[in-house]
Amino acid sequence: MTVPDKAKYYDHEEIDVQPIRDIAQDVLSEVSRVIVGYGEILQQLFIALLVNGHVLLEGVPGLGKTVMAKTFAKTLGISFRRVQFTPDLLPADITGTKIFDQN
């Protein structure tokens, strides 16, 4: 039995994450100049962006959810799109669903 190529990633070498940490800190500090008092939420939002995840920001009107998302998009140079949910709209209506086909 041969060892899979994945084993090479578990060698003794350490990865220097300091450059990534510096970039993350720069982005978060820039966004924090506009969005004040949401440090933990900003960190979680940034992590979701790093792992190519989806984020659903919920809350009452006026909390700055749209401004937060626009500020991240502008800081990172990425596109921004907003979906206004209504009571009859579910997240799956936007993201879709996966259906298992046994055949």
N, C-alpha and C. Protein backbone atom coordinates (compact mmCIF):
# COMPACT_ATOMS: atom_id res chain seq x y z
N MET A 1 0.85 -1.18 0.00
CA MET A 1 0.00 0.00 0.00
C MET A 1 0.89 1.24 0.00
N THR A 2 0.60 2.19 -0.86
CA THR A 2 1.40 3.40 -0.95
C THR A 2 0.77 4.52 -0.13
N VAL A 3 1.62 5.42 0.32
CA VAL A 3 1.15 6.57 1.09
C VAL A 3 0.67 7.63 0.11
N PRO A 4 -0.53 8.19 0.32
CA PRO A 4 -1.03 9.21 -0.60
C PRO A 4 -0.17 10.47 -0.57
N ASP A 5 -0.26 11.24 -1.64
CA ASP A 5 0.51 12.48 -1.75
C ASP A 5 0.17 13.48 -0.67
N LYS A 6 -0.97 13.33 -0.04
CA LYS A 6 -1.37 14.26 1.02
C LYS A 6 -0.39 14.24 2.18
N ALA A 7 0.34 13.15 2.32
CA ALA A 7 1.27 13.02 3.43
C ALA A 7 2.36 14.08 3.37
N LYS A 8 2.68 14.57 2.18
CA LYS A 8 3.74 15.57 2.07
C LYS A 8 3.36 16.87 2.76
N TYR A 9 2.08 17.12 2.95
CA TYR A 9 1.65 18.34 3.62
C TYR A 9 1.79 18.26 5.13
N TYR A 10 2.03 17.10 5.63
CA TYR A 10 2.14 16.92 7.08
C TYR A 10 3.58 16.73 7.52
N ASP A 11 4.52 17.18 6.72
CA ASP A 11 5.93 17.10 7.08
C ASP A 11 6.23 18.02 8.26
N HIS A 12 7.49 18.08 8.62
CA HIS A 12 7.92 18.85 9.77
C HIS A 12 7.98 20.35 9.49
N GLU A 13 7.91 20.73 8.24
CA GLU A 13 8.02 22.14 7.90
C GLU A 13 6.82 22.91 8.44
N GLU A 14 7.11 24.10 8.93
CA GLU A 14 6.04 24.96 9.43
C GLU A 14 5.73 26.02 8.40
N ILE A 15 4.50 26.41 8.34
CA ILE A 15 4.07 27.45 7.40
C ILE A 15 4.07 28.78 8.14
N ASP A 16 4.66 29.78 7.50
CA ASP A 16 4.69 31.12 8.10
C ASP A 16 3.38 31.83 7.77
N VAL A 17 2.52 32.00 8.76
CA VAL A 17 1.22 32.63 8.56
C VAL A 17 1.25 34.13 8.87
N GLN A 18 2.41 34.64 9.23
CA GLN A 18 2.48 36.06 9.60
C GLN A 18 2.04 36.99 8.47
N PRO A 19 2.44 36.75 7.19
CA PRO A 19 1.96 37.64 6.13
C PRO A 19 0.44 37.64 6.00
N ILE A 20 -0.17 36.48 6.17
CA ILE A 20 -1.63 36.39 6.10
C ILE A 20 -2.26 37.13 7.27
N ARG A 21 -1.68 36.97 8.44
CA ARG A 21 -2.16 37.66 9.63
C ARG A 21 -2.06 39.18 9.46
N ASP A 22 -0.97 39.64 8.86
CA ASP A 22 -0.79 41.08 8.63
C ASP A 22 -1.84 41.63 7.66
N ILE A 23 -2.09 40.89 6.59
CA ILE A 23 -3.11 41.32 5.61
C ILE A 23 -4.48 41.35 6.27
N ALA A 24 -4.80 40.31 7.02
CA ALA A 24 -6.10 40.26 7.70
C ALA A 24 -6.25 41.43 8.66
N GLN A 25 -5.20 41.73 9.40
CA GLN A 25 -5.26 42.84 10.35
C GLN A 25 -5.44 44.17 9.61
N ASP A 26 -4.75 44.33 8.47
CA ASP A 26 -4.90 45.55 7.67
C ASP A 26 -6.33 45.72 7.17
N VAL A 27 -6.90 44.63 6.66
CA VAL A 27 -8.28 44.69 6.14
C VAL A 27 -9.25 45.00 7.27
N LEU A 28 -9.12 44.31 8.39
CA LEU A 28 -10.04 44.52 9.51
C LEU A 28 -9.91 45.93 10.09
N SER A 29 -8.71 46.45 10.14
CA SER A 29 -8.56 47.80 10.68
C SER A 29 -9.14 48.83 9.72
N GLU A 30 -9.02 48.59 8.42
CA GLU A 30 -9.62 49.51 7.44
C GLU A 30 -11.14 49.49 7.52
N VAL A 31 -11.72 48.29 7.63
CA VAL A 31 -13.17 48.17 7.75
C VAL A 31 -13.65 48.76 9.07
N SER A 32 -12.86 48.60 10.13
CA SER A 32 -13.22 49.12 11.45
C SER A 32 -13.24 50.65 11.49
N ARG A 33 -12.62 51.28 10.52
CA ARG A 33 -12.68 52.74 10.45
C ARG A 33 -14.09 53.21 10.11
N VAL A 34 -14.84 52.36 9.38
CA VAL A 34 -16.21 52.69 8.98
C VAL A 34 -17.21 52.04 9.92
N ILE A 35 -17.01 50.78 10.24
CA ILE A 35 -17.92 50.01 11.09
C ILE A 35 -17.32 49.93 12.49
N VAL A 36 -17.94 50.59 13.45
CA VAL A 36 -17.41 50.67 14.81
C VAL A 36 -18.24 49.79 15.75
N GLY A 37 -17.56 49.02 16.58
CA GLY A 37 -18.24 48.25 17.62
C GLY A 37 -18.67 46.85 17.23
N TYR A 38 -18.25 46.38 16.08
CA TYR A 38 -18.63 45.04 15.62
C TYR A 38 -17.40 44.18 15.35
N GLY A 39 -16.38 44.28 16.20
CA GLY A 39 -15.11 43.60 15.97
C GLY A 39 -15.22 42.11 15.74
N GLU A 40 -15.95 41.42 16.60
CA GLU A 40 -16.07 39.96 16.48
C GLU A 40 -16.85 39.58 15.22
N ILE A 41 -17.90 40.31 14.92
CA ILE A 41 -18.69 40.04 13.71
C ILE A 41 -17.83 40.28 12.47
N LEU A 42 -17.02 41.33 12.49
CA LEU A 42 -16.15 41.61 11.35
C LEU A 42 -15.14 40.49 11.15
N GLN A 43 -14.59 39.97 12.24
CA GLN A 43 -13.64 38.86 12.14
C GLN A 43 -14.31 37.62 11.55
N GLN A 44 -15.52 37.31 12.02
CA GLN A 44 -16.23 36.14 11.52
C GLN A 44 -16.61 36.31 10.05
N LEU A 45 -17.00 37.51 9.68
CA LEU A 45 -17.32 37.78 8.28
C LEU A 45 -16.09 37.63 7.40
N PHE A 46 -14.95 38.11 7.87
CA PHE A 46 -13.72 38.00 7.11
C PHE A 46 -13.29 36.53 6.96
N ILE A 47 -13.45 35.75 8.01
CA ILE A 47 -13.13 34.31 7.93
C ILE A 47 -14.01 33.64 6.89
N ALA A 48 -15.29 33.98 6.89
CA ALA A 48 -16.20 33.39 5.89
C ALA A 48 -15.76 33.75 4.48
N LEU A 49 -15.30 34.98 4.29
CA LEU A 49 -14.82 35.39 2.97
C LEU A 49 -13.56 34.63 2.59
N LEU A 50 -12.66 34.41 3.54
CA LEU A 50 -11.41 33.70 3.25
C LEU A 50 -11.65 32.26 2.82
N VAL A 51 -12.66 31.63 3.38
CA VAL A 51 -12.92 30.22 3.05
C VAL A 51 -13.99 30.07 1.98
N ASN A 52 -14.29 31.20 1.29
CA ASN A 52 -15.25 31.20 0.19
C ASN A 52 -16.63 30.75 0.66
N GLY A 53 -17.02 31.19 1.85
CA GLY A 53 -18.30 30.81 2.41
C GLY A 53 -19.39 31.82 2.09
N HIS A 54 -20.57 31.51 2.55
CA HIS A 54 -21.72 32.39 2.40
C HIS A 54 -22.08 32.95 3.77
N VAL A 55 -22.59 34.16 3.78
CA VAL A 55 -22.96 34.81 5.04
C VAL A 55 -24.37 35.36 4.90
N LEU A 56 -25.19 35.10 5.88
CA LEU A 56 -26.52 35.68 5.95
C LEU A 56 -26.54 36.61 7.16
N LEU A 57 -26.62 37.91 6.90
CA LEU A 57 -26.66 38.90 7.97
C LEU A 57 -28.11 39.20 8.29
N GLU A 58 -28.51 38.90 9.50
CA GLU A 58 -29.88 39.13 9.94
C GLU A 58 -29.90 40.20 11.02
N GLY A 59 -30.98 40.93 11.09
CA GLY A 59 -31.14 41.92 12.15
C GLY A 59 -32.18 42.94 11.77
N VAL A 60 -32.54 43.75 12.74
CA VAL A 60 -33.53 44.79 12.50
C VAL A 60 -32.92 45.87 11.60
N PRO A 61 -33.75 46.64 10.93
CA PRO A 61 -33.23 47.70 10.06
C PRO A 61 -32.40 48.72 10.85
N GLY A 62 -31.37 49.24 10.19
CA GLY A 62 -30.59 50.32 10.77
C GLY A 62 -29.35 49.90 11.53
N LEU A 63 -28.99 48.61 11.50
CA LEU A 63 -27.80 48.15 12.22
C LEU A 63 -26.53 48.24 11.39
N GLY A 64 -26.63 48.58 10.13
CA GLY A 64 -25.45 48.73 9.28
C GLY A 64 -25.00 47.48 8.57
N LYS A 65 -25.91 46.53 8.38
CA LYS A 65 -25.54 45.28 7.73
C LYS A 65 -25.09 45.53 6.29
N THR A 66 -25.83 46.33 5.56
CA THR A 66 -25.48 46.61 4.17
C THR A 66 -24.19 47.42 4.09
N VAL A 67 -24.03 48.40 4.95
CA VAL A 67 -22.81 49.21 4.97
C VAL A 67 -21.61 48.32 5.28
N MET A 68 -21.78 47.37 6.20
CA MET A 68 -20.70 46.45 6.55
C MET A 68 -20.27 45.63 5.33
N ALA A 69 -21.23 45.07 4.63
CA ALA A 69 -20.92 44.25 3.46
C ALA A 69 -20.31 45.09 2.34
N LYS A 70 -20.85 46.29 2.12
CA LYS A 70 -20.29 47.17 1.08
C LYS A 70 -18.87 47.59 1.42
N THR A 71 -18.61 47.86 2.69
CA THR A 71 -17.27 48.28 3.11
C THR A 71 -16.26 47.16 2.90
N PHE A 72 -16.64 45.92 3.26
CA PHE A 72 -15.75 44.79 3.00
C PHE A 72 -15.48 44.65 1.52
N ALA A 73 -16.51 44.74 0.71
CA ALA A 73 -16.34 44.58 -0.73
C ALA A 73 -15.42 45.66 -1.30
N LYS A 74 -15.63 46.89 -0.88
CA LYS A 74 -14.80 47.99 -1.38
C LYS A 74 -13.35 47.84 -0.92
N THR A 75 -13.15 47.46 0.34
CA THR A 75 -11.80 47.29 0.88
C THR A 75 -11.05 46.18 0.16
N LEU A 76 -11.74 45.09 -0.15
CA LEU A 76 -11.10 43.95 -0.80
C LEU A 76 -11.11 44.03 -2.33
N GLY A 77 -11.83 45.01 -2.87
CA GLY A 77 -11.89 45.15 -4.32
C GLY A 77 -12.71 44.06 -4.99
N ILE A 78 -13.76 43.62 -4.30
CA ILE A 78 -14.63 42.57 -4.86
C ILE A 78 -16.02 43.14 -5.09
N SER A 79 -16.84 42.38 -5.81
CA SER A 79 -18.19 42.86 -6.13
C SER A 79 -19.11 42.68 -4.93
N PHE A 80 -20.16 43.45 -4.92
CA PHE A 80 -21.15 43.39 -3.83
C PHE A 80 -22.53 43.29 -4.45
N ARG A 81 -23.31 42.37 -3.94
CA ARG A 81 -24.71 42.25 -4.35
C ARG A 81 -25.53 41.99 -3.10
N ARG A 82 -26.70 42.57 -3.07
CA ARG A 82 -27.56 42.46 -1.91
C ARG A 82 -28.89 41.86 -2.33
N VAL A 83 -29.42 40.99 -1.49
CA VAL A 83 -30.74 40.39 -1.72
C VAL A 83 -31.64 40.82 -0.57
N GLN A 84 -32.75 41.45 -0.89
CA GLN A 84 -33.72 41.85 0.12
C GLN A 84 -34.68 40.69 0.35
N PHE A 85 -34.63 40.13 1.54
CA PHE A 85 -35.51 39.00 1.84
C PHE A 85 -36.89 39.50 2.26
N THR A 86 -37.87 38.71 1.93
CA THR A 86 -39.24 38.95 2.37
C THR A 86 -39.66 37.74 3.20
N PRO A 87 -40.76 37.83 3.93
CA PRO A 87 -41.15 36.70 4.80
C PRO A 87 -41.34 35.37 4.06
N ASP A 88 -41.67 35.42 2.78
CA ASP A 88 -41.90 34.18 2.04
C ASP A 88 -40.66 33.69 1.29
N LEU A 89 -39.52 34.38 1.42
CA LEU A 89 -38.30 34.00 0.73
C LEU A 89 -37.35 33.31 1.70
N LEU A 90 -36.83 32.17 1.29
CA LEU A 90 -35.91 31.41 2.12
C LEU A 90 -34.51 31.46 1.52
N PRO A 91 -33.47 31.28 2.35
CA PRO A 91 -32.11 31.28 1.80
C PRO A 91 -31.93 30.27 0.67
N ALA A 92 -32.58 29.12 0.76
CA ALA A 92 -32.46 28.11 -0.29
C ALA A 92 -33.01 28.60 -1.62
N ASP A 93 -33.91 29.57 -1.60
CA ASP A 93 -34.42 30.15 -2.84
C ASP A 93 -33.32 30.87 -3.60
N ILE A 94 -32.32 31.35 -2.90
CA ILE A 94 -31.21 32.08 -3.51
C ILE A 94 -30.05 31.13 -3.82
N THR A 95 -29.66 30.34 -2.83
CA THR A 95 -28.48 29.48 -2.99
C THR A 95 -28.79 28.17 -3.69
N GLY A 96 -30.05 27.77 -3.74
CA GLY A 96 -30.42 26.51 -4.37
C GLY A 96 -30.31 25.36 -3.39
N THR A 97 -30.68 24.19 -3.84
CA THR A 97 -30.63 23.01 -3.01
C THR A 97 -29.97 21.89 -3.80
N LYS A 98 -29.48 20.91 -3.09
CA LYS A 98 -28.88 19.73 -3.71
C LYS A 98 -29.86 18.57 -3.55
N ILE A 99 -30.10 17.90 -4.63
CA ILE A 99 -31.02 16.75 -4.61
C ILE A 99 -30.23 15.51 -4.94
N PHE A 100 -30.36 14.51 -4.09
CA PHE A 100 -29.64 13.25 -4.29
C PHE A 100 -30.38 12.43 -5.35
N ASP A 101 -29.65 12.05 -6.39
CA ASP A 101 -30.21 11.19 -7.44
C ASP A 101 -29.55 9.84 -7.31
N GLN A 102 -30.32 8.85 -6.91
CA GLN A 102 -29.77 7.53 -6.65
C GLN A 102 -29.28 6.85 -7.93
N ASN A 103 -29.79 7.25 -9.06
CA ASN A 103 -29.38 6.62 -10.33
C ASN A 103 -28.14 7.23 -10.80
